PDB file of N, CA and C in Angstrom:
ATOM      1  N   UNK A   1      20.963  16.259   9.909  1.00  0.00           N
ATOM      2  CA  UNK A   1      21.124  17.667  10.171  1.00  0.00           C
ATOM      3  C   UNK A   1      19.865  18.167  10.878  1.00  0.00           C
ATOM      4  N   UNK A   2      20.048  18.856  11.948  1.00  0.00           N
ATOM      5  CA  UNK A   2      18.932  19.425  12.696  1.00  0.00           C
ATOM      6  C   UNK A   2      18.800  20.894  12.366  1.00  0.00           C
ATOM      7  N   UNK A   3      17.573  21.358  12.379  1.00  0.00           N
ATOM      8  CA  UNK A   3      17.301  22.772  12.161  1.00  0.00           C
ATOM      9  C   UNK A   3      16.021  23.125  12.905  1.00  0.00           C
ATOM     10  N   UNK A   4      15.655  24.375  12.871  1.00  0.00           N
ATOM     11  CA  UNK A   4      14.445  24.823  13.556  1.00  0.00           C
ATOM     12  C   UNK A   4      13.451  25.369  12.539  1.00  0.00           C
ATOM     13  N   UNK A   5      12.178  25.256  12.892  1.00  0.00           N
ATOM     14  CA  UNK A   5      11.126  25.900  12.111  1.00  0.00           C
ATOM     15  C   UNK A   5      11.085  27.353  12.576  1.00  0.00           C
ATOM     16  N   UNK A   6      11.160  28.283  11.629  1.00  0.00           N
ATOM     17  CA  UNK A   6      11.219  29.713  11.962  1.00  0.00           C
ATOM     18  C   UNK A   6      10.024  30.442  11.350  1.00  0.00           C
ATOM     19  N   UNK A   7       9.693  31.576  11.969  1.00  0.00           N
ATOM     20  CA  UNK A   7       8.610  32.411  11.454  1.00  0.00           C
ATOM     21  C   UNK A   7       9.131  33.194  10.256  1.00  0.00           C
ATOM     22  N   UNK A   8       8.355  33.156   9.150  1.00  0.00           N
ATOM     23  CA  UNK A   8       8.665  33.931   7.947  1.00  0.00           C
ATOM     24  C   UNK A   8       7.371  34.652   7.574  1.00  0.00           C
ATOM     25  N   UNK A   9       7.256  35.908   7.976  1.00  0.00           N
ATOM     26  CA  UNK A   9       6.012  36.647   7.761  1.00  0.00           C
ATOM     27  C   UNK A   9       4.896  35.993   8.548  1.00  0.00           C
ATOM     28  N   UNK A  10       3.779  35.716   7.887  1.00  0.00           N
ATOM     29  CA  UNK A  10       2.653  35.048   8.542  1.00  0.00           C
ATOM     30  C   UNK A  10       2.760  33.533   8.469  1.00  0.00           C
ATOM     31  N   UNK A  11       3.833  33.034   7.880  1.00  0.00           N
ATOM     32  CA  UNK A  11       4.022  31.595   7.717  1.00  0.00           C
ATOM     33  C   UNK A  11       5.187  31.118   8.566  1.00  0.00           C
ATOM     34  N   UNK A  12       5.513  29.874   8.398  1.00  0.00           N
ATOM     35  CA  UNK A  12       6.695  29.314   9.035  1.00  0.00           C
ATOM     36  C   UNK A  12       7.481  28.566   7.971  1.00  0.00           C
ATOM     37  N   UNK A  13       8.762  28.413   8.204  1.00  0.00           N
ATOM     38  CA  UNK A  13       9.576  27.734   7.211  1.00  0.00           C
ATOM     39  C   UNK A  13      10.850  27.160   7.801  1.00  0.00           C
ATOM     40  N   UNK A  14      11.593  26.520   6.940  1.00  0.00           N
ATOM     41  CA  UNK A  14      12.873  25.916   7.313  1.00  0.00           C
ATOM     42  C   UNK A  14      13.908  26.425   6.318  1.00  0.00           C
ATOM     43  N   UNK A  15      15.037  26.859   6.791  1.00  0.00           N
ATOM     44  CA  UNK A  15      16.126  27.266   5.903  1.00  0.00           C
ATOM     45  C   UNK A  15      16.919  26.012   5.545  1.00  0.00           C
ATOM     46  N   UNK A  16      17.095  25.808   4.249  1.00  0.00           N
ATOM     47  CA  UNK A  16      17.798  24.613   3.778  1.00  0.00           C
ATOM     48  C   UNK A  16      19.167  25.044   3.254  1.00  0.00           C
ATOM     49  N   UNK A  17      20.241  24.528   3.805  1.00  0.00           N
ATOM     50  CA  UNK A  17      21.577  24.921   3.349  1.00  0.00           C
ATOM     51  C   UNK A  17      21.791  24.575   1.867  1.00  0.00           C
ATOM     52  N   UNK A  18      22.482  25.467   1.165  1.00  0.00           N
ATOM     53  CA  UNK A  18      22.729  25.295  -0.264  1.00  0.00           C
ATOM     54  C   UNK A  18      23.401  23.955  -0.585  1.00  0.00           C
ATOM     55  N   UNK A  19      24.414  23.510   0.154  1.00  0.00           N
ATOM     56  CA  UNK A  19      25.033  22.213  -0.172  1.00  0.00           C
ATOM     57  C   UNK A  19      24.041  21.046  -0.117  1.00  0.00           C
ATOM     58  N   UNK A  20      23.078  21.124   0.801  1.00  0.00           N
ATOM     59  CA  UNK A  20      22.077  20.064   0.900  1.00  0.00           C
ATOM     60  C   UNK A  20      21.158  20.078  -0.326  1.00  0.00           C
ATOM     61  N   UNK A  21      20.761  21.267  -0.772  1.00  0.00           N
ATOM     62  CA  UNK A  21      19.946  21.387  -1.984  1.00  0.00           C
ATOM     63  C   UNK A  21      20.706  20.866  -3.201  1.00  0.00           C
ATOM     64  N   UNK A  22      21.978  21.222  -3.290  1.00  0.00           N
ATOM     65  CA  UNK A  22      22.786  20.758  -4.421  1.00  0.00           C
ATOM     66  C   UNK A  22      22.941  19.240  -4.393  1.00  0.00           C
ATOM     67  N   UNK A  23      23.149  18.677  -3.224  1.00  0.00           N
ATOM     68  CA  UNK A  23      23.303  17.233  -3.086  1.00  0.00           C
ATOM     69  C   UNK A  23      22.020  16.511  -3.518  1.00  0.00           C
ATOM     70  N   UNK A  24      20.860  17.091  -3.193  1.00  0.00           N
ATOM     71  CA  UNK A  24      19.578  16.486  -3.562  1.00  0.00           C
ATOM     72  C   UNK A  24      19.245  16.724  -5.027  1.00  0.00           C
ATOM     73  N   UNK A  25      19.913  17.705  -5.652  1.00  0.00           N
ATOM     74  CA  UNK A  25      19.648  18.008  -7.055  1.00  0.00           C
ATOM     75  C   UNK A  25      18.274  18.620  -7.271  1.00  0.00           C
ATOM     76  N   UNK A  26      17.802  19.394  -6.305  1.00  0.00           N
ATOM     77  CA  UNK A  26      16.489  20.000  -6.421  1.00  0.00           C
ATOM     78  C   UNK A  26      16.550  21.296  -7.219  1.00  0.00           C
ATOM     79  N   UNK A  27      15.617  21.465  -8.169  1.00  0.00           N
ATOM     80  CA  UNK A  27      15.548  22.726  -8.923  1.00  0.00           C
ATOM     81  C   UNK A  27      14.831  23.785  -8.085  1.00  0.00           C
ATOM     82  N   UNK A  28      14.570  24.943  -8.680  1.00  0.00           N
ATOM     83  CA  UNK A  28      13.884  26.005  -7.944  1.00  0.00           C
ATOM     84  C   UNK A  28      12.433  25.649  -7.649  1.00  0.00           C
ATOM     85  N   UNK A  29      11.745  24.995  -8.592  1.00  0.00           N
ATOM     86  CA  UNK A  29      10.340  24.620  -8.391  1.00  0.00           C
ATOM     87  C   UNK A  29      10.271  23.221  -7.806  1.00  0.00           C
ATOM     88  N   UNK A  30       9.602  23.114  -6.664  1.00  0.00           N
ATOM     89  CA  UNK A  30       9.478  21.824  -5.991  1.00  0.00           C
ATOM     90  C   UNK A  30       8.020  21.595  -5.594  1.00  0.00           C
ATOM     91  N   UNK A  31       7.704  20.359  -5.288  1.00  0.00           N
ATOM     92  CA  UNK A  31       6.388  19.999  -4.766  1.00  0.00           C
ATOM     93  C   UNK A  31       6.547  19.608  -3.307  1.00  0.00           C
ATOM     94  N   UNK A  32       5.567  19.949  -2.513  1.00  0.00           N
ATOM     95  CA  UNK A  32       5.546  19.580  -1.099  1.00  0.00           C
ATOM     96  C   UNK A  32       4.355  18.686  -0.850  1.00  0.00           C
ATOM     97  N   UNK A  33       4.540  17.673  -0.036  1.00  0.00           N
ATOM     98  CA  UNK A  33       3.398  16.907   0.442  1.00  0.00           C
ATOM     99  C   UNK A  33       3.714  16.373   1.835  1.00  0.00           C
ATOM    100  N   UNK A  34       2.651  16.161   2.574  1.00  0.00           N
ATOM    101  CA  UNK A  34       2.792  15.710   3.955  1.00  0.00           C
ATOM    102  C   UNK A  34       2.574  14.205   4.036  1.00  0.00           C
ATOM    103  N   UNK A  35       3.383  13.572   4.844  1.00  0.00           N
ATOM    104  CA  UNK A  35       3.229  12.171   5.198  1.00  0.00           C
ATOM    105  C   UNK A  35       3.178  12.131   6.712  1.00  0.00           C
ATOM    106  N   UNK A  36       2.895  10.994   7.259  1.00  0.00           N
ATOM    107  CA  UNK A  36       2.793  10.870   8.711  1.00  0.00           C
ATOM    108  C   UNK A  36       4.115  11.266   9.374  1.00  0.00           C
ATOM    109  N   UNK A  37       4.119  12.397  10.048  1.00  0.00           N
ATOM    110  CA  UNK A  37       5.295  12.837  10.788  1.00  0.00           C
ATOM    111  C   UNK A  37       6.384  13.474   9.958  1.00  0.00           C
ATOM    112  N   UNK A  38       6.123  13.791   8.684  1.00  0.00           N
ATOM    113  CA  UNK A  38       7.169  14.395   7.847  1.00  0.00           C
ATOM    114  C   UNK A  38       6.566  15.223   6.732  1.00  0.00           C
ATOM    115  N   UNK A  39       7.356  16.145   6.220  1.00  0.00           N
ATOM    116  CA  UNK A  39       7.021  16.928   5.030  1.00  0.00           C
ATOM    117  C   UNK A  39       8.055  16.562   3.979  1.00  0.00           C
ATOM    118  N   UNK A  40       7.598  16.170   2.808  1.00  0.00           N
ATOM    119  CA  UNK A  40       8.488  15.732   1.738  1.00  0.00           C
ATOM    120  C   UNK A  40       8.594  16.835   0.699  1.00  0.00           C
ATOM    121  N   UNK A  41       9.828  17.169   0.321  1.00  0.00           N
ATOM    122  CA  UNK A  41      10.116  18.132  -0.737  1.00  0.00           C
ATOM    123  C   UNK A  41      10.664  17.344  -1.912  1.00  0.00           C
ATOM    124  N   UNK A  42      10.035  17.476  -3.085  1.00  0.00           N
ATOM    125  CA  UNK A  42      10.467  16.711  -4.260  1.00  0.00           C
ATOM    126  C   UNK A  42      10.487  17.614  -5.485  1.00  0.00           C
ATOM    127  N   UNK A  43      11.352  17.286  -6.432  1.00  0.00           N
ATOM    128  CA  UNK A  43      11.393  18.017  -7.689  1.00  0.00           C
ATOM    129  C   UNK A  43      10.050  17.867  -8.389  1.00  0.00           C
ATOM    130  N   UNK A  44       9.622  18.918  -9.069  1.00  0.00           N
ATOM    131  CA  UNK A  44       8.381  18.867  -9.836  1.00  0.00           C
ATOM    132  C   UNK A  44       8.563  17.857 -10.952  1.00  0.00           C
ATOM    133  N   UNK A  45       7.608  16.943 -11.065  1.00  0.00           N
ATOM    134  CA  UNK A  45       7.678  15.942 -12.133  1.00  0.00           C
ATOM    135  C   UNK A  45       6.934  16.439 -13.352  1.00  0.00           C
ATOM    136  N   UNK A  46       7.534  16.249 -14.486  1.00  0.00           N
ATOM    137  CA  UNK A  46       6.900  16.570 -15.755  1.00  0.00           C
ATOM    138  C   UNK A  46       6.589  15.233 -16.420  1.00  0.00           C
ATOM    139  N   UNK A  47       5.308  14.814 -16.427  1.00  0.00           N
ATOM    140  CA  UNK A  47       4.947  13.468 -16.834  1.00  0.00           C
ATOM    141  C   UNK A  47       5.436  13.046 -18.213  1.00  0.00           C
ATOM    142  N   UNK A  48       5.561  13.954 -19.154  1.00  0.00           N
ATOM    143  CA  UNK A  48       5.933  13.559 -20.517  1.00  0.00           C
ATOM    144  C   UNK A  48       7.398  13.825 -20.842  1.00  0.00           C
ATOM    145  N   UNK A  49       8.188  14.121 -19.840  1.00  0.00           N
ATOM    146  CA  UNK A  49       9.599  14.355 -20.071  1.00  0.00           C
ATOM    147  C   UNK A  49      10.227  13.127 -20.716  1.00  0.00           C
ATOM    148  N   UNK A  50      10.923  13.330 -21.817  1.00  0.00           N
ATOM    149  CA  UNK A  50      11.621  12.241 -22.490  1.00  0.00           C
ATOM    150  C   UNK A  50      10.809  11.511 -23.542  1.00  0.00           C
ATOM    151  N   UNK A  51       9.511  11.826 -23.675  1.00  0.00           N
ATOM    152  CA  UNK A  51       8.676  11.125 -24.649  1.00  0.00           C
ATOM    153  C   UNK A  51       9.142  11.371 -26.079  1.00  0.00           C
ATOM    154  N   UNK A  52       9.498  12.599 -26.417  1.00  0.00           N
ATOM    155  CA  UNK A  52       9.905  12.913 -27.794  1.00  0.00           C
ATOM    156  C   UNK A  52      11.143  12.113 -28.176  1.00  0.00           C
ATOM    157  N   UNK A  53      12.108  12.064 -27.284  1.00  0.00           N
ATOM    158  CA  UNK A  53      13.333  11.305 -27.562  1.00  0.00           C
ATOM    159  C   UNK A  53      13.031   9.808 -27.682  1.00  0.00           C
ATOM    160  N   UNK A  54      12.170   9.301 -26.821  1.00  0.00           N
ATOM    161  CA  UNK A  54      11.801   7.884 -26.890  1.00  0.00           C
ATOM    162  C   UNK A  54      11.105   7.575 -28.212  1.00  0.00           C
ATOM    163  N   UNK A  55      10.255   8.475 -28.679  1.00  0.00           N
ATOM    164  CA  UNK A  55       9.567   8.268 -29.959  1.00  0.00           C
ATOM    165  C   UNK A  55      10.566   8.272 -31.110  1.00  0.00           C
ATOM    166  N   UNK A  56      11.556   9.157 -31.060  1.00  0.00           N
ATOM    167  CA  UNK A  56      12.592   9.190 -32.113  1.00  0.00           C
ATOM    168  C   UNK A  56      13.371   7.877 -32.140  1.00  0.00           C
ATOM    169  N   UNK A  57      13.687   7.359 -30.952  1.00  0.00           N
ATOM    170  CA  UNK A  57      14.426   6.090 -30.884  1.00  0.00           C
ATOM    171  C   UNK A  57      13.594   4.935 -31.437  1.00  0.00           C
ATOM    172  N   UNK A  58      12.303   4.900 -31.120  1.00  0.00           N
ATOM    173  CA  UNK A  58      11.431   3.862 -31.660  1.00  0.00           C
ATOM    174  C   UNK A  58      11.370   3.937 -33.184  1.00  0.00           C
ATOM    175  N   UNK A  59      11.249   5.155 -33.681  1.00  0.00           N
ATOM    176  CA  UNK A  59      11.175   5.339 -35.138  1.00  0.00           C
ATOM    177  C   UNK A  59      12.469   4.874 -35.794  1.00  0.00           C
ATOM    178  N   UNK A  60      13.611   5.193 -35.185  1.00  0.00           N
ATOM    179  CA  UNK A  60      14.904   4.794 -35.747  1.00  0.00           C
ATOM    180  C   UNK A  60      15.036   3.274 -35.797  1.00  0.00           C
ATOM    181  N   UNK A  61      14.396   2.581 -34.847  1.00  0.00           N
ATOM    182  CA  UNK A  61      14.444   1.116 -34.827  1.00  0.00           C
ATOM    183  C   UNK A  61      13.312   0.498 -35.642  1.00  0.00           C
ATOM    184  N   UNK A  62      12.451   1.338 -36.238  1.00  0.00           N
ATOM    185  CA  UNK A  62      11.333   0.833 -37.021  1.00  0.00           C
ATOM    186  C   UNK A  62      10.216   0.256 -36.178  1.00  0.00           C
ATOM    187  N   UNK A  63      10.121   0.691 -34.946  1.00  0.00           N
ATOM    188  CA  UNK A  63       9.115   0.149 -34.033  1.00  0.00           C
ATOM    189  C   UNK A  63       7.962   1.104 -33.783  1.00  0.00           C
ATOM    190  N   UNK A  64       7.830   2.131 -34.638  1.00  0.00           N
ATOM    191  CA  UNK A  64       6.728   3.055 -34.421  1.00  0.00           C
ATOM    192  C   UNK A  64       5.430   2.384 -34.839  1.00  0.00           C
ATOM    193  N   UNK A  65       4.343   2.863 -34.366  1.00  0.00           N
ATOM    194  CA  UNK A  65       3.048   2.308 -34.734  1.00  0.00           C
ATOM    195  C   UNK A  65       2.217   1.987 -33.522  1.00  0.00           C
ATOM    196  N   UNK A  66       1.048   1.454 -33.777  1.00  0.00           N
ATOM    197  CA  UNK A  66       0.137   1.127 -32.698  1.00  0.00           C
ATOM    198  C   UNK A  66       0.609  -0.107 -31.952  1.00  0.00           C
ATOM    199  N   UNK A  67       0.313  -0.143 -30.691  1.00  0.00           N
ATOM    200  CA  UNK A  67       0.680  -1.304 -29.888  1.00  0.00           C
ATOM    201  C   UNK A  67      -0.253  -2.476 -30.165  1.00  0.00           C
ATOM    202  N   UNK A  68      -1.522  -2.183 -30.482  1.00  0.00           N
ATOM    203  CA  UNK A  68      -2.494  -3.235 -30.745  1.00  0.00           C
ATOM    204  C   UNK A  68      -2.565  -3.508 -32.239  1.00  0.00           C
ATOM    205  N   UNK A  69      -1.985  -4.576 -32.699  1.00  0.00           N
ATOM    206  CA  UNK A  69      -2.134  -4.980 -34.093  1.00  0.00           C
ATOM    207  C   UNK A  69      -2.457  -6.461 -34.109  1.00  0.00           C
ATOM    208  N   UNK A  70      -3.464  -6.919 -34.740  1.00  0.00           N
ATOM    209  CA  UNK A  70      -4.478  -6.147 -35.464  1.00  0.00           C
ATOM    210  C   UNK A  70      -5.396  -5.405 -34.495  1.00  0.00           C
ATOM    211  N   UNK A  71      -6.203  -4.478 -35.034  1.00  0.00           N
ATOM    212  CA  UNK A  71      -7.103  -3.728 -34.150  1.00  0.00           C
ATOM    213  C   UNK A  71      -8.091  -4.667 -33.469  1.00  0.00           C
ATOM    214  N   UNK A  72      -8.605  -4.252 -32.330  1.00  0.00           N
ATOM    215  CA  UNK A  72      -9.575  -5.098 -31.632  1.00  0.00           C
ATOM    216  C   UNK A  72     -10.788  -5.390 -32.519  1.00  0.00           C
ATOM    217  N   UNK A  73     -11.414  -6.546 -32.313  1.00  0.00           N
ATOM    218  CA  UNK A  73     -12.537  -6.977 -33.135  1.00  0.00           C
ATOM    219  C   UNK A  73     -13.668  -5.958 -33.142  1.00  0.00           C
ATOM    220  N   UNK A  74     -13.946  -5.333 -32.002  1.00  0.00           N
ATOM    221  CA  UNK A  74     -15.064  -4.395 -31.959  1.00  0.00           C
ATOM    222  C   UNK A  74     -14.847  -3.187 -32.870  1.00  0.00           C
ATOM    223  N   UNK A  75     -13.622  -2.904 -33.261  1.00  0.00           N
ATOM    224  CA  UNK A  75     -13.364  -1.800 -34.184  1.00  0.00           C
ATOM    225  C   UNK A  75     -13.559  -2.215 -35.640  1.00  0.00           C
ATOM    226  N   UNK A  76     -13.491  -3.487 -35.942  1.00  0.00           N
ATOM    227  CA  UNK A  76     -13.584  -3.923 -37.335  1.00  0.00           C
ATOM    228  C   UNK A  76     -14.979  -4.413 -37.705  1.00  0.00           C
ATOM    229  N   UNK A  77     -15.872  -4.549 -36.748  1.00  0.00           N
ATOM    230  CA  UNK A  77     -17.231  -4.990 -37.018  1.00  0.00           C
ATOM    231  C   UNK A  77     -18.181  -3.810 -36.975  1.00  0.00           C
ATOM    232  N   UNK A  78     -19.266  -3.935 -37.725  1.00  0.00           N
ATOM    233  CA  UNK A  78     -20.288  -2.890 -37.714  1.00  0.00           C
ATOM    234  C   UNK A  78     -20.992  -2.904 -36.361  1.00  0.00           C
ATOM    235  N   UNK A  79     -21.216  -1.757 -35.806  1.00  0.00           N
ATOM    236  CA  UNK A  79     -21.886  -1.668 -34.524  1.00  0.00           C
ATOM    237  C   UNK A  79     -23.401  -1.655 -34.740  1.00  0.00           C
ATOM    238  N   UNK A  80     -24.103  -2.262 -33.826  1.00  0.00           N
ATOM    239  CA  UNK A  80     -25.552  -2.290 -33.895  1.00  0.00           C
ATOM    240  C   UNK A  80     -26.099  -1.541 -32.689  1.00  0.00           C
ATOM    241  N   UNK A  81     -26.862  -0.484 -32.966  1.00  0.00           N
ATOM    242  CA  UNK A  81     -27.424   0.332 -31.896  1.00  0.00           C
ATOM    243  C   UNK A  81     -28.836  -0.132 -31.618  1.00  0.00           C
ATOM    244  N   UNK A  82     -29.168  -0.269 -30.386  1.00  0.00           N
ATOM    245  CA  UNK A  82     -30.525  -0.716 -30.000  1.00  0.00           C
ATOM    246  C   UNK A  82     -31.199   0.309 -29.144  1.00  0.00           C
TER     247      UNK A  82
END
């Protein structure tokens, strides 16, 4: 699909047709970044999305706990400061 860059106040922009936005599944808040020869529009990422549910599933399977067992040796020995 071709379109033109248009003046919007003191800025410029592109009008994106609603069906294209719906097809991409983009929410209202998006991130923009530039790459060589293109501008990328992406949904805002929430880094911890799904963590609570994943933790509940681990607990239900009895897999909760620390990943490092036993603790590293440096945690179980007395430290000597010099």
